[in-house]
Amino acid sequence: MAAYLKLLGALFIAAGILGSIYCWQGVGSDEAYFKARRGLEKYPGNVLFVTEFRMAEPRHMLLVSGTFSAAPIGVVLGSLCIGVGLLLGKSR
């Protein structure tokens, strides 16, 4: 069980870091959001551009929050699993 928890902890850490990298790439290549933002900057009062921006914004904000939260969550959960695995290994 200790070895399983250590492996699971390593997988959590790797998944958190890879998830953060994936979200970061998604933020940089979110063409719908950048296109809507450029249109809104060019025509600030246009209802069509405001609607397009409001449709593209939630996905972009979720990618940004995933960028900043995936790695810390993965590291915390991974460290917890590794710590419990070490404790179980020492108790034998």
PDB file of N, CA and C in Angstrom:
ATOM      1  N   MET A   1       0.825  -1.186   0.000  1.00  0.00           N
ATOM      2  CA  MET A   1       0.000   0.000   0.000  1.00  0.00           C
ATOM      3  C   MET A   1       0.874   1.257   0.000  1.00  0.00           C
ATOM      4  N   ALA A   2       2.001   1.198   0.690  1.00  0.00           N
ATOM      5  CA  ALA A   2       2.885   2.358   0.752  1.00  0.00           C
ATOM      6  C   ALA A   2       3.442   2.690  -0.626  1.00  0.00           C
ATOM      7  N   ALA A   3       3.832   1.658  -1.358  1.00  0.00           N
ATOM      8  CA  ALA A   3       4.377   1.893  -2.703  1.00  0.00           C
ATOM      9  C   ALA A   3       3.291   2.447  -3.626  1.00  0.00           C
ATOM     10  N   TYR A   4       2.070   1.944  -3.473  1.00  0.00           N
ATOM     11  CA  TYR A   4       0.951   2.440  -4.273  1.00  0.00           C
ATOM     12  C   TYR A   4       0.703   3.922  -4.008  1.00  0.00           C
ATOM     13  N   LEU A   5       0.726   4.326  -2.751  1.00  0.00           N
ATOM     14  CA  LEU A   5       0.488   5.730  -2.415  1.00  0.00           C
ATOM     15  C   LEU A   5       1.614   6.625  -2.918  1.00  0.00           C
ATOM     16  N   LYS A   6       2.839   6.139  -2.855  1.00  0.00           N
ATOM     17  CA  LYS A   6       3.961   6.934  -3.383  1.00  0.00           C
ATOM     18  C   LYS A   6       3.826   7.118  -4.892  1.00  0.00           C
ATOM     19  N   LEU A   7       3.442   6.046  -5.581  1.00  0.00           N
ATOM     20  CA  LEU A   7       3.238   6.138  -7.026  1.00  0.00           C
ATOM     21  C   LEU A   7       2.077   7.066  -7.346  1.00  0.00           C
ATOM     22  N   LEU A   8       0.994   6.943  -6.592  1.00  0.00           N
ATOM     23  CA  LEU A   8      -0.160   7.820  -6.802  1.00  0.00           C
ATOM     24  C   LEU A   8       0.215   9.278  -6.561  1.00  0.00           C
ATOM     25  N   GLY A   9       1.032   9.545  -5.542  1.00  0.00           N
ATOM     26  CA  GLY A   9       1.489  10.905  -5.279  1.00  0.00           C
ATOM     27  C   GLY A   9       2.306  11.472  -6.427  1.00  0.00           C
ATOM     28  N   ALA A  10       3.195  10.644  -6.971  1.00  0.00           N
ATOM     29  CA  ALA A  10       3.997  11.092  -8.112  1.00  0.00           C
ATOM     30  C   ALA A  10       3.107  11.373  -9.322  1.00  0.00           C
ATOM     31  N   LEU A  11       2.081  10.544  -9.501  1.00  0.00           N
ATOM     32  CA  LEU A  11       1.166  10.772 -10.619  1.00  0.00           C
ATOM     33  C   LEU A  11       0.347  12.049 -10.433  1.00  0.00           C
ATOM     34  N   PHE A  12      -0.075  12.320  -9.195  1.00  0.00           N
ATOM     35  CA  PHE A  12      -0.798  13.566  -8.926  1.00  0.00           C
ATOM     36  C   PHE A  12       0.072  14.783  -9.225  1.00  0.00           C
ATOM     37  N   ILE A  13       1.318  14.734  -8.805  1.00  0.00           N
ATOM     38  CA  ILE A  13       2.222  15.861  -9.051  1.00  0.00           C
ATOM     39  C   ILE A  13       2.431  16.060 -10.546  1.00  0.00           C
ATOM     40  N   ALA A  14       2.687  14.969 -11.265  1.00  0.00           N
ATOM     41  CA  ALA A  14       2.901  15.072 -12.713  1.00  0.00           C
ATOM     42  C   ALA A  14       1.639  15.559 -13.422  1.00  0.00           C
ATOM     43  N   ALA A  15       0.481  15.045 -13.006  1.00  0.00           N
ATOM     44  CA  ALA A  15      -0.768  15.464 -13.649  1.00  0.00           C
ATOM     45  C   ALA A  15      -1.063  16.939 -13.381  1.00  0.00           C
ATOM     46  N   GLY A  16      -0.758  17.416 -12.185  1.00  0.00           N
ATOM     47  CA  GLY A  16      -0.976  18.823 -11.877  1.00  0.00           C
ATOM     48  C   GLY A  16      -0.098  19.740 -12.705  1.00  0.00           C
ATOM     49  N   ILE A  17       1.155  19.365 -12.834  1.00  0.00           N
ATOM     50  CA  ILE A  17       2.080  20.191 -13.619  1.00  0.00           C
ATOM     51  C   ILE A  17       1.715  20.150 -15.101  1.00  0.00           C
ATOM     52  N   LEU A  18       1.402  18.949 -15.607  1.00  0.00           N
ATOM     53  CA  LEU A  18       1.010  18.855 -17.019  1.00  0.00           C
ATOM     54  C   LEU A  18      -0.315  19.570 -17.287  1.00  0.00           C
ATOM     55  N   GLY A  19      -1.243  19.504 -16.346  1.00  0.00           N
ATOM     56  CA  GLY A  19      -2.502  20.228 -16.507  1.00  0.00           C
ATOM     57  C   GLY A  19      -2.304  21.728 -16.538  1.00  0.00           C
ATOM     58  N   SER A  20      -1.398  22.201 -15.717  1.00  0.00           N
ATOM     59  CA  SER A  20      -1.102  23.629 -15.700  1.00  0.00           C
ATOM     60  C   SER A  20      -0.462  24.072 -17.024  1.00  0.00           C
ATOM     61  N   ILE A  21       0.435  23.254 -17.541  1.00  0.00           N
ATOM     62  CA  ILE A  21       1.075  23.571 -18.825  1.00  0.00           C
ATOM     63  C   ILE A  21       0.042  23.559 -19.953  1.00  0.00           C
ATOM     64  N   TYR A  22      -0.848  22.566 -19.935  1.00  0.00           N
ATOM     65  CA  TYR A  22      -1.887  22.470 -20.961  1.00  0.00           C
ATOM     66  C   TYR A  22      -2.806  23.690 -20.933  1.00  0.00           C
ATOM     67  N   CYS A  23      -3.212  24.099 -19.743  1.00  0.00           N
ATOM     68  CA  CYS A  23      -4.074  25.282 -19.621  1.00  0.00           C
ATOM     69  C   CYS A  23      -3.338  26.547 -20.064  1.00  0.00           C
ATOM     70  N   TRP A  24      -2.048  26.641 -19.751  1.00  0.00           N
ATOM     71  CA  TRP A  24      -1.266  27.807 -20.158  1.00  0.00           C
ATOM     72  C   TRP A  24      -1.208  27.902 -21.678  1.00  0.00           C
ATOM     73  N   GLN A  25      -1.020  26.762 -22.343  1.00  0.00           N
ATOM     74  CA  GLN A  25      -1.021  26.767 -23.800  1.00  0.00           C
ATOM     75  C   GLN A  25      -2.400  27.143 -24.343  1.00  0.00           C
ATOM     76  N   GLY A  26      -3.450  26.700 -23.665  1.00  0.00           N
ATOM     77  CA  GLY A  26      -4.803  27.060 -24.081  1.00  0.00           C
ATOM     78  C   GLY A  26      -5.079  28.543 -23.938  1.00  0.00           C
ATOM     79  N   VAL A  27      -4.538  29.155 -22.885  1.00  0.00           N
ATOM     80  CA  VAL A  27      -4.706  30.600 -22.689  1.00  0.00           C
ATOM     81  C   VAL A  27      -4.029  31.360 -23.825  1.00  0.00           C
ATOM     82  N   GLY A  28      -2.857  30.928 -24.203  1.00  0.00           N
ATOM     83  CA  GLY A  28      -2.118  31.619 -25.256  1.00  0.00           C
ATOM     84  C   GLY A  28      -2.717  31.455 -26.636  1.00  0.00           C
ATOM     85  N   SER A  29      -3.444  30.372 -26.849  1.00  0.00           N
ATOM     86  CA  SER A  29      -3.981  30.121 -28.186  1.00  0.00           C
ATOM     87  C   SER A  29      -5.504  30.236 -28.242  1.00  0.00           C
ATOM     88  N   ASP A  30      -6.103  30.946 -27.319  1.00  0.00           N
ATOM     89  CA  ASP A  30      -7.554  31.129 -27.290  1.00  0.00           C
ATOM     90  C   ASP A  30      -7.939  32.231 -28.278  1.00  0.00           C
ATOM     91  N   GLU A  31      -8.008  31.845 -29.541  1.00  0.00           N
ATOM     92  CA  GLU A  31      -8.219  32.811 -30.619  1.00  0.00           C
ATOM     93  C   GLU A  31      -9.602  33.469 -30.552  1.00  0.00           C
ATOM     94  N   ALA A  32     -10.608  32.735 -30.115  1.00  0.00           N
ATOM     95  CA  ALA A  32     -11.961  33.314 -30.039  1.00  0.00           C
ATOM     96  C   ALA A  32     -11.999  34.467 -29.047  1.00  0.00           C
ATOM     97  N   TYR A  33     -11.317  34.303 -27.923  1.00  0.00           N
ATOM     98  CA  TYR A  33     -11.298  35.361 -26.917  1.00  0.00           C
ATOM     99  C   TYR A  33     -10.545  36.586 -27.428  1.00  0.00           C
ATOM    100  N   PHE A  34      -9.384  36.372 -28.014  1.00  0.00           N
ATOM    101  CA  PHE A  34      -8.590  37.508 -28.488  1.00  0.00           C
ATOM    102  C   PHE A  34      -9.274  38.238 -29.640  1.00  0.00           C
ATOM    103  N   LYS A  35      -9.953  37.491 -30.497  1.00  0.00           N
ATOM    104  CA  LYS A  35     -10.682  38.112 -31.591  1.00  0.00           C
ATOM    105  C   LYS A  35     -11.840  38.950 -31.053  1.00  0.00           C
ATOM    106  N   ALA A  36     -12.555  38.423 -30.081  1.00  0.00           N
ATOM    107  CA  ALA A  36     -13.677  39.169 -29.485  1.00  0.00           C
ATOM    108  C   ALA A  36     -13.175  40.393 -28.733  1.00  0.00           C
ATOM    109  N   ARG A  37     -12.043  40.263 -28.070  1.00  0.00           N
ATOM    110  CA  ARG A  37     -11.501  41.406 -27.333  1.00  0.00           C
ATOM    111  C   ARG A  37     -11.055  42.511 -28.285  1.00  0.00           C
ATOM    112  N   ARG A  38     -10.427  42.117 -29.407  1.00  0.00           N
ATOM    113  CA  ARG A  38     -10.024  43.129 -30.394  1.00  0.00           C
ATOM    114  C   ARG A  38     -11.249  43.835 -30.976  1.00  0.00           C
ATOM    115  N   GLY A  39     -12.310  43.072 -31.272  1.00  0.00           N
ATOM    116  CA  GLY A  39     -13.529  43.679 -31.800  1.00  0.00           C
ATOM    117  C   GLY A  39     -14.180  44.611 -30.803  1.00  0.00           C
ATOM    118  N   LEU A  40     -14.168  44.236 -29.530  1.00  0.00           N
ATOM    119  CA  LEU A  40     -14.755  45.083 -28.496  1.00  0.00           C
ATOM    120  C   LEU A  40     -13.932  46.345 -28.280  1.00  0.00           C
ATOM    121  N   GLU A  41     -12.618  46.242 -28.414  1.00  0.00           N
ATOM    122  CA  GLU A  41     -11.775  47.439 -28.285  1.00  0.00           C
ATOM    123  C   GLU A  41     -12.004  48.392 -29.457  1.00  0.00           C
ATOM    124  N   LYS A  42     -12.235  47.820 -30.640  1.00  0.00           N
ATOM    125  CA  LYS A  42     -12.430  48.653 -31.818  1.00  0.00           C
ATOM    126  C   LYS A  42     -13.814  49.307 -31.822  1.00  0.00           C
ATOM    127  N   TYR A  43     -14.842  48.545 -31.412  1.00  0.00           N
ATOM    128  CA  TYR A  43     -16.223  49.045 -31.374  1.00  0.00           C
ATOM    129  C   TYR A  43     -16.792  48.795 -29.979  1.00  0.00           C
ATOM    130  N   PRO A  44     -16.498  49.671 -29.027  1.00  0.00           N
ATOM    131  CA  PRO A  44     -16.866  49.385 -27.625  1.00  0.00           C
ATOM    132  C   PRO A  44     -18.362  49.354 -27.346  1.00  0.00           C
ATOM    133  N   GLY A  45     -19.184  50.009 -28.108  1.00  0.00           N
ATOM    134  CA  GLY A  45     -20.607  50.052 -27.810  1.00  0.00           C
ATOM    135  C   GLY A  45     -21.439  49.068 -28.612  1.00  0.00           C
ATOM    136  N   ASN A  46     -20.816  48.294 -29.485  1.00  0.00           N
ATOM    137  CA  ASN A  46     -21.542  47.398 -30.363  1.00  0.00           C
ATOM    138  C   ASN A  46     -22.031  46.168 -29.581  1.00  0.00           C
ATOM    139  N   VAL A  47     -23.320  45.904 -29.653  1.00  0.00           N
ATOM    140  CA  VAL A  47     -23.923  44.806 -28.900  1.00  0.00           C
ATOM    141  C   VAL A  47     -23.400  43.450 -29.386  1.00  0.00           C
ATOM    142  N   LEU A  48     -23.158  43.315 -30.674  1.00  0.00           N
ATOM    143  CA  LEU A  48     -22.673  42.043 -31.207  1.00  0.00           C
ATOM    144  C   LEU A  48     -21.289  41.696 -30.657  1.00  0.00           C
ATOM    145  N   PHE A  49     -20.417  42.673 -30.579  1.00  0.00           N
ATOM    146  CA  PHE A  49     -19.076  42.408 -30.053  1.00  0.00           C
ATOM    147  C   PHE A  49     -19.098  42.183 -28.541  1.00  0.00           C
ATOM    148  N   VAL A  50     -19.991  42.876 -27.847  1.00  0.00           N
ATOM    149  CA  VAL A  50     -20.131  42.649 -26.405  1.00  0.00           C
ATOM    150  C   VAL A  50     -20.620  41.227 -26.151  1.00  0.00           C
ATOM    151  N   THR A  51     -21.591  40.779 -26.938  1.00  0.00           N
ATOM    152  CA  THR A  51     -22.113  39.422 -26.786  1.00  0.00           C
ATOM    153  C   THR A  51     -21.051  38.383 -27.125  1.00  0.00           C
ATOM    154  N   GLU A  52     -20.321  38.616 -28.196  1.00  0.00           N
ATOM    155  CA  GLU A  52     -19.263  37.683 -28.583  1.00  0.00           C
ATOM    156  C   GLU A  52     -18.180  37.602 -27.504  1.00  0.00           C
ATOM    157  N   PHE A  53     -17.847  38.743 -26.924  1.00  0.00           N
ATOM    158  CA  PHE A  53     -16.846  38.757 -25.861  1.00  0.00           C
ATOM    159  C   PHE A  53     -17.346  38.013 -24.625  1.00  0.00           C
ATOM    160  N   ARG A  54     -18.614  38.241 -24.280  1.00  0.00           N
ATOM    161  CA  ARG A  54     -19.172  37.563 -23.094  1.00  0.00           C
ATOM    162  C   ARG A  54     -19.318  36.067 -23.312  1.00  0.00           C
ATOM    163  N   MET A  55     -19.417  35.619 -24.540  1.00  0.00           N
ATOM    164  CA  MET A  55     -19.465  34.188 -24.824  1.00  0.00           C
ATOM    165  C   MET A  55     -18.072  33.560 -24.764  1.00  0.00           C
ATOM    166  N   ALA A  56     -17.048  34.306 -25.119  1.00  0.00           N
ATOM    167  CA  ALA A  56     -15.686  33.772 -25.137  1.00  0.00           C
ATOM    168  C   ALA A  56     -14.980  33.916 -23.791  1.00  0.00           C
ATOM    169  N   GLU A  57     -15.444  34.830 -22.962  1.00  0.00           N
ATOM    170  CA  GLU A  57     -14.754  35.116 -21.704  1.00  0.00           C
ATOM    171  C   GLU A  57     -14.774  33.977 -20.689  1.00  0.00           C
ATOM    172  N   PRO A  58     -15.879  33.256 -20.468  1.00  0.00           N
ATOM    173  CA  PRO A  58     -15.856  32.205 -19.444  1.00  0.00           C
ATOM    174  C   PRO A  58     -14.829  31.108 -19.720  1.00  0.00           C
ATOM    175  N   ARG A  59     -14.718  30.679 -20.970  1.00  0.00           N
ATOM    176  CA  ARG A  59     -13.729  29.649 -21.296  1.00  0.00           C
ATOM    177  C   ARG A  59     -12.319  30.152 -21.016  1.00  0.00           C
ATOM    178  N   HIS A  60     -12.066  31.389 -21.379  1.00  0.00           N
ATOM    179  CA  HIS A  60     -10.738  31.951 -21.158  1.00  0.00           C
ATOM    180  C   HIS A  60     -10.429  32.065 -19.666  1.00  0.00           C
ATOM    181  N   MET A  61     -11.402  32.495 -18.891  1.00  0.00           N
ATOM    182  CA  MET A  61     -11.183  32.622 -17.442  1.00  0.00           C
ATOM    183  C   MET A  61     -10.997  31.255 -16.785  1.00  0.00           C
ATOM    184  N   LEU A  62     -11.701  30.234 -17.261  1.00  0.00           N
ATOM    185  CA  LEU A  62     -11.493  28.889 -16.736  1.00  0.00           C
ATOM    186  C   LEU A  62     -10.099  28.370 -17.071  1.00  0.00           C
ATOM    187  N   LEU A  63      -9.612  28.690 -18.255  1.00  0.00           N
ATOM    188  CA  LEU A  63      -8.244  28.296 -18.602  1.00  0.00           C
ATOM    189  C   LEU A  63      -7.225  29.017 -17.723  1.00  0.00           C
ATOM    190  N   VAL A  64      -7.467  30.289 -17.451  1.00  0.00           N
ATOM    191  CA  VAL A  64      -6.550  31.038 -16.579  1.00  0.00           C
ATOM    192  C   VAL A  64      -6.574  30.468 -15.165  1.00  0.00           C
ATOM    193  N   SER A  65      -7.755  30.169 -14.656  1.00  0.00           N
ATOM    194  CA  SER A  65      -7.818  29.606 -13.303  1.00  0.00           C
ATOM    195  C   SER A  65      -7.208  28.211 -13.265  1.00  0.00           C
ATOM    196  N   GLY A  66      -7.359  27.440 -14.322  1.00  0.00           N
ATOM    197  CA  GLY A  66      -6.707  26.131 -14.387  1.00  0.00           C
ATOM    198  C   GLY A  66      -5.203  26.241 -14.433  1.00  0.00           C
ATOM    199  N   THR A  67      -4.710  27.277 -15.091  1.00  0.00           N
ATOM    200  CA  THR A  67      -3.271  27.491 -15.155  1.00  0.00           C
ATOM    201  C   THR A  67      -2.680  27.714 -13.778  1.00  0.00           C
ATOM    202  N   PHE A  68      -3.364  28.513 -12.972  1.00  0.00           N
ATOM    203  CA  PHE A  68      -2.813  28.861 -11.665  1.00  0.00           C
ATOM    204  C   PHE A  68      -3.218  27.912 -10.549  1.00  0.00           C
ATOM    205  N   SER A  69      -4.150  27.006 -10.803  1.00  0.00           N
ATOM    206  CA  SER A  69      -4.578  26.121  -9.713  1.00  0.00           C
ATOM    207  C   SER A  69      -4.204  24.662  -9.911  1.00  0.00           C
ATOM    208  N   ALA A  70      -3.965  24.211 -11.117  1.00  0.00           N
ATOM    209  CA  ALA A  70      -3.698  22.789 -11.351  1.00  0.00           C
ATOM    210  C   ALA A  70      -2.394  22.341 -10.703  1.00  0.00           C
ATOM    211  N   ALA A  71      -1.330  23.089 -10.876  1.00  0.00           N
ATOM    212  CA  ALA A  71      -0.044  22.683 -10.306  1.00  0.00           C
ATOM    213  C   ALA A  71      -0.058  22.691  -8.780  1.00  0.00           C
ATOM    214  N   PRO A  72      -0.546  23.736  -8.113  1.00  0.00           N
ATOM    215  CA  PRO A  72      -0.569  23.675  -6.647  1.00  0.00           C
ATOM    216  C   PRO A  72      -1.456  22.564  -6.091  1.00  0.00           C
ATOM    217  N   ILE A  73      -2.597  22.325  -6.714  1.00  0.00           N
ATOM    218  CA  ILE A  73      -3.467  21.252  -6.245  1.00  0.00           C
ATOM    219  C   ILE A  73      -2.784  19.903  -6.434  1.00  0.00           C
ATOM    220  N   GLY A  74      -2.143  19.706  -7.578  1.00  0.00           N
ATOM    221  CA  GLY A  74      -1.428  18.454  -7.815  1.00  0.00           C
ATOM    222  C   GLY A  74      -0.290  18.249  -6.841  1.00  0.00           C
ATOM    223  N   VAL A  75       0.442  19.301  -6.543  1.00  0.00           N
ATOM    224  CA  VAL A  75       1.560  19.188  -5.601  1.00  0.00           C
ATOM    225  C   VAL A  75       1.051  18.903  -4.190  1.00  0.00           C
ATOM    226  N   VAL A  76      -0.017  19.542  -3.783  1.00  0.00           N
ATOM    227  CA  VAL A  76      -0.560  19.315  -2.435  1.00  0.00           C
ATOM    228  C   VAL A  76      -1.087  17.888  -2.306  1.00  0.00           C
ATOM    229  N   LEU A  77      -1.895  17.452  -3.252  1.00  0.00           N
ATOM    230  CA  LEU A  77      -2.433  16.096  -3.186  1.00  0.00           C
ATOM    231  C   LEU A  77      -1.334  15.045  -3.320  1.00  0.00           C
ATOM    232  N   GLY A  78      -0.378  15.311  -4.198  1.00  0.00           N
ATOM    233  CA  GLY A  78       0.737  14.378  -4.357  1.00  0.00           C
ATOM    234  C   GLY A  78       1.594  14.293  -3.114  1.00  0.00           C
ATOM    235  N   SER A  79       1.861  15.412  -2.499  1.00  0.00           N
ATOM    236  CA  SER A  79       2.655  15.414  -1.264  1.00  0.00           C
ATOM    237  C   SER A  79       1.920  14.705  -0.141  1.00  0.00           C
ATOM    238  N   LEU A  80       0.616  14.871  -0.081  1.00  0.00           N
ATOM    239  CA  LEU A  80      -0.182  14.181   0.924  1.00  0.00           C
ATOM    240  C   LEU A  80      -0.094  12.662   0.741  1.00  0.00           C
ATOM    241  N   CYS A  81      -0.254  12.212  -0.492  1.00  0.00           N
ATOM    242  CA  CYS A  81      -0.167  10.773  -0.747  1.00  0.00           C
ATOM    243  C   CYS A  81       1.231  10.236  -0.465  1.00  0.00           C
ATOM    244  N   ILE A  82       2.249  10.963  -0.864  1.00  0.00           N
ATOM    245  CA  ILE A  82       3.620  10.512  -0.605  1.00  0.00           C
ATOM    246  C   ILE A  82       3.888  10.486   0.896  1.00  0.00           C
ATOM    247  N   GLY A  83       3.428  11.477   1.623  1.00  0.00           N
ATOM    248  CA  GLY A  83       3.624  11.507   3.073  1.00  0.00           C
ATOM    249  C   GLY A  83       2.937  10.355   3.778  1.00  0.00           C
ATOM    250  N   VAL A  84       1.702  10.064   3.388  1.00  0.00           N
ATOM    251  CA  VAL A  84       0.997   8.926   3.991  1.00  0.00           C
ATOM    252  C   VAL A  84       1.685   7.621   3.611  1.00  0.00           C
ATOM    253  N   GLY A  85       2.166   7.552   2.387  1.00  0.00           N
ATOM    254  CA  GLY A  85       2.907   6.353   1.967  1.00  0.00           C
ATOM    255  C   GLY A  85       4.179   6.157   2.771  1.00  0.00           C
ATOM    256  N   LEU A  86       4.889   7.233   3.060  1.00  0.00           N
ATOM    257  CA  LEU A  86       6.095   7.131   3.878  1.00  0.00           C
ATOM    258  C   LEU A  86       5.763   6.725   5.307  1.00  0.00           C
ATOM    259  N   LEU A  87       4.688   7.263   5.839  1.00  0.00           N
ATOM    260  CA  LEU A  87       4.279   6.882   7.187  1.00  0.00           C
ATOM    261  C   LEU A  87       3.878   5.411   7.263  1.00  0.00           C
ATOM    262  N   LEU A  88       3.176   4.941   6.254  1.00  0.00           N
ATOM    263  CA  LEU A  88       2.793   3.531   6.224  1.00  0.00           C
ATOM    264  C   LEU A  88       4.014   2.626   6.069  1.00  0.00           C
ATOM    265  N   GLY A  89       4.988   3.085   5.298  1.00  0.00           N
ATOM    266  CA  GLY A  89       6.217   2.294   5.125  1.00  0.00           C
ATOM    267  C   GLY A  89       7.031   2.199   6.399  1.00  0.00           C
ATOM    268  N   LYS A  90       7.032   3.250   7.218  1.00  0.00           N
ATOM    269  CA  LYS A  90       7.802   3.242   8.457  1.00  0.00           C
ATOM    270  C   LYS A  90       7.092   2.487   9.573  1.00  0.00           C
ATOM    271  N   SER A  91       5.780   2.325   9.471  1.00  0.00           N
ATOM    272  CA  SER A  91       5.041   1.688  10.557  1.00  0.00           C
ATOM    273  C   SER A  91       5.202   0.174  10.560  1.00  0.00           C
ATOM    274  N   ARG A  92       5.724  -0.393   9.520  1.00  0.00           N
ATOM    275  CA  ARG A  92       5.912  -1.844   9.465  1.00  0.00           C
ATOM    276  C   ARG A  92       7.060  -2.248  10.266  1.00  0.00           C
TER     277      ARG A  92
END
